[in-house]
Amino acid sequence: MCYNFAVKNRRGFLPFFKKAISRAGILAGLAIAIIVTAIYPLFVLDVKVNESEYESAVLEVLSASGVKKYSFAFKVDTNDIEKKLLSLDGISFAKVTRCGTLINVSLEKELPKAEIFTVSSDPVLAKKRAVFSRAVVYSGTCVKKYGDVVDIGDALIESYIIVGEEKVLCAAEGIVFGKVYYEAELFYNHTGGYKVEDCKKTVKMLAVSKIDKDASILSESYEVYDVDGGFNVKVLIETEERIDLVKTETTKQTNR
C-alpha cells in the first residue's frame, strides 16, 4: 500500500543541534552558559570572619595570598593562610574553609595572660610595747593571745595558715590592737599655792599629748605624794589602740 506523508516537526537532540548550528546566537549562548557554570564556583564572592574586629587584618592576609573578593581563585591554600593568621596578635587558632564562592574564616582568641601580683611574705609586726588585746586577721595566723606583752618588732600575725598538720604560706594581713600605758609626772613646790585637782589636769594633758589620736582611753589613775619642798603628781593612762606596723618591705611574685 502506498501512503503520502509530509514531515511537520522533528524532535530530539540531533534535530535541536542542527537547528542550533543554524542559529549562531543560540549556540553562543549555550557555550557561555556552560563556561559560566563551570568557572562560577572558582570565584570568591564573599569572605566571612567570626571575629569582626579582625576582619580587616584577615582580608589583608587573604589578599597577600592572592585571594580577594569578586576575583578568580582557582586554588586557595588554606593551610598557608591559617599559618599567617596565627601570626596575628591575640590569635591562638585559625581555620579557613572554602564553600563554593564563600571563604569562611574561624578564629579563636588567646586566653587572658595570668596576672602577676605581689604578696608580702613578712609577718605583721608590733610598732610599740603593749599588752595584746585583740586582732582582726584578714590573712595569716595570729601568734599572740590576750594578755601577752609584746615589744617593738615582735611578730603579731605570721604569714601562714594551718591546713591539716601543714603550714601553708600566705600573706600576713590584719589589724592588731593592744593596751598601752602612758605616764607623766610633775613636781610642784609648796609655796606655789597649787590646787591638787588643777595639777592633775596639767599632768594629764602632758600624758595625753603622747597618745595616738585614734586611741581609746580605758582608764586613768593618779598618785600624789610629798617630797622635799613640795609634792609630785603622777598619772597613769591606759589606752587601747592599733599596735601593728604597716608593711612596705619584702615582697615576692605569685601567679594568680
Foldseek 3Di string as FASTA:
>chain_A
DDDDDDDDDDDDDVVVVVVCVVPVVNVVVVVVVVVCVVQQLQAAAEEEEPDVVCVVVLQVLCVVQVHHHGGGHNDDPQVVSFVVVCPDPQWDGWGWDRDRNYIYIYTDGDDDDWDKDKADQAAWWFQAWFFWQDKFWPAAAAPDDGGDTHHGGHGGGHQWDQDPNDTHGHHTDIWTKGKDKWKFKDWDFPVPPDDPVVVQVVRVVVRCVPDDPPKAWDDKDWDWDDDPRTIMIMMMIIIMDTGTDDDDDDIDMDTD
